[in-house]
Amino acid sequence: MFKELKNYINNRISLAKYDLVDSLSSMLASGIYVLILSVFTLFLLLLGSLALGFILGNYFNDTGLGFLSVTGIHLCIMVLCILFKKNIKLFLTNIAVENAMEAMNNQDDDENEE
């Protein structure tokens, strides 16, 4: 009887460890995915900004003025981000919580299938 209880407790500990590894690996994979997506988005923003700078430079007949306009656009976006900092943080927090809850629900679904 005591041996069976000991085996049961050891199995529960092992299960908890496996669940932890599963959750951590899922979060790590999500983090890497977001990192890869962020890198490509930054490249797109960089190349788009360069292209817009040249297009506006041709429009104004002055490349420097075109890039200055793009800098002004980025400055306006930065000021808007600073002004709406709380709303942006709340939005990103909600996304993170929703993803965490979804991961937990998927883990519960996996346990129910067994």
Protein backbone atom coordinates (compact mmCIF):
# COMPACT_ATOMS: atom_id res chain seq x y z
CA MET A 1 0.00 0.00 0.00
CA PHE A 2 2.76 2.43 0.97
CA LYS A 3 4.73 1.55 -2.19
CA GLU A 4 1.71 2.26 -4.39
CA LEU A 5 1.17 5.62 -2.70
CA LYS A 6 4.84 6.45 -3.21
CA ASN A 7 4.59 5.49 -6.92
CA TYR A 8 1.43 7.57 -7.26
CA ILE A 9 3.12 10.64 -5.75
CA ASN A 10 6.20 10.16 -7.96
CA ASN A 11 3.98 9.85 -11.03
CA ARG A 12 2.11 13.05 -10.11
CA ILE A 13 5.42 14.89 -9.65
CA SER A 14 6.62 13.62 -13.03
CA LEU A 15 3.34 14.70 -14.63
CA ALA A 16 3.68 18.18 -13.11
CA LYS A 17 7.23 18.42 -14.48
CA TYR A 18 6.07 17.36 -17.96
CA ASP A 19 3.22 19.86 -17.85
CA LEU A 20 5.68 22.59 -16.89
CA VAL A 21 8.03 21.64 -19.72
CA ASP A 22 5.08 21.60 -22.14
CA SER A 23 3.93 25.05 -21.03
CA LEU A 24 7.42 26.53 -21.12
CA SER A 25 8.17 25.10 -24.56
CA SER A 26 4.88 26.46 -25.87
CA MET A 27 5.65 29.92 -24.47
CA LEU A 28 9.20 29.77 -25.85
CA ALA A 29 7.91 28.82 -29.29
CA SER A 30 5.43 31.68 -29.19
CA GLY A 31 8.18 34.08 -28.14
CA ILE A 32 10.46 32.96 -30.97
CA TYR A 33 7.59 33.31 -33.45
CA VAL A 34 6.91 36.86 -32.26
CA LEU A 35 10.63 37.66 -32.48
CA ILE A 36 10.87 36.39 -36.06
CA LEU A 37 7.73 38.27 -37.03
CA SER A 38 9.10 41.43 -35.38
CA VAL A 39 12.39 41.20 -37.30
CA PHE A 40 10.59 40.89 -40.62
CA THR A 41 8.24 43.73 -39.70
CA LEU A 42 11.21 45.96 -38.85
CA PHE A 43 12.85 45.12 -42.19
CA LEU A 44 9.61 45.95 -43.95
CA LEU A 45 9.35 49.24 -42.06
CA LEU A 46 12.96 50.09 -42.84
CA LEU A 47 12.70 49.34 -46.54
CA GLY A 48 9.30 51.02 -46.77
CA SER A 49 10.70 54.11 -45.09
CA LEU A 50 13.60 54.21 -47.52
CA ALA A 51 11.28 53.83 -50.48
CA LEU A 52 8.92 56.50 -49.15
CA GLY A 53 11.89 58.82 -48.57
CA PHE A 54 12.99 58.46 -52.17
CA ILE A 55 9.43 58.82 -53.50
CA LEU A 56 8.84 61.98 -51.47
CA GLY A 57 12.30 63.19 -52.49
CA ASN A 58 11.34 62.89 -56.14
CA TYR A 59 8.04 64.63 -55.43
CA PHE A 60 9.75 67.55 -53.67
CA ASN A 61 12.75 67.47 -56.07
CA ASP A 62 14.99 67.19 -52.99
CA THR A 63 15.96 63.80 -51.54
CA GLY A 64 16.90 65.31 -48.20
CA LEU A 65 13.46 66.88 -47.86
CA GLY A 66 11.86 63.52 -48.68
CA PHE A 67 13.77 61.77 -45.89
CA LEU A 68 13.05 64.67 -43.55
CA SER A 69 9.34 64.17 -44.26
CA VAL A 70 9.62 60.48 -43.44
CA THR A 71 11.42 61.40 -40.21
CA GLY A 72 8.56 63.77 -39.37
CA ILE A 73 6.03 60.99 -39.97
CA HIS A 74 7.98 58.69 -37.63
CA LEU A 75 8.20 61.47 -35.05
CA CYS A 76 4.41 61.97 -35.18
CA ILE A 77 3.87 58.22 -34.71
CA MET A 78 6.28 58.23 -31.75
CA VAL A 79 4.45 61.15 -30.13
CA LEU A 80 1.12 59.35 -30.59
CA CYS A 81 2.58 56.23 -28.98
CA ILE A 82 3.77 58.28 -26.02
CA LEU A 83 0.39 59.98 -25.66
CA PHE A 84 -1.54 56.69 -25.81
CA LYS A 85 0.98 54.68 -23.79
CA LYS A 86 -1.55 53.37 -21.27
CA ASN A 87 -4.02 52.26 -23.94
CA ILE A 88 -1.28 50.52 -25.93
CA LYS A 89 0.05 48.74 -22.81
CA LEU A 90 -3.47 47.64 -21.89
CA PHE A 91 -4.08 46.35 -25.42
CA LEU A 92 -0.81 44.38 -25.44
CA THR A 93 -1.49 43.01 -21.95
CA ASN A 94 -4.92 41.80 -23.06
CA ILE A 95 -3.37 40.03 -26.04
CA ALA A 96 -0.78 38.35 -23.79
CA VAL A 97 -3.44 37.21 -21.31
CA GLU A 98 -5.66 35.87 -24.11
CA ASN A 99 -2.74 33.89 -25.54
CA ALA A 100 -1.85 32.51 -22.11
CA MET A 101 -5.46 31.49 -21.47
CA GLU A 102 -5.63 29.85 -24.90
CA ALA A 103 -2.44 27.91 -24.15
CA MET A 104 -3.86 26.76 -20.82
CA ASN A 105 -7.12 25.71 -22.50
CA ASN A 106 -5.16 23.77 -25.12
CA GLN A 107 -3.24 22.06 -22.35
CA ASP A 108 -6.50 21.16 -20.60
CA ASP A 109 -7.87 19.80 -23.88
CA ASP A 110 -4.75 17.64 -24.28
CA GLU A 111 -5.24 16.24 -20.77
CA ASN A 112 -8.91 15.47 -21.46
CA GLU A 113 -8.00 13.53 -24.62
CA GLU A 114 -5.82 11.15 -22.59
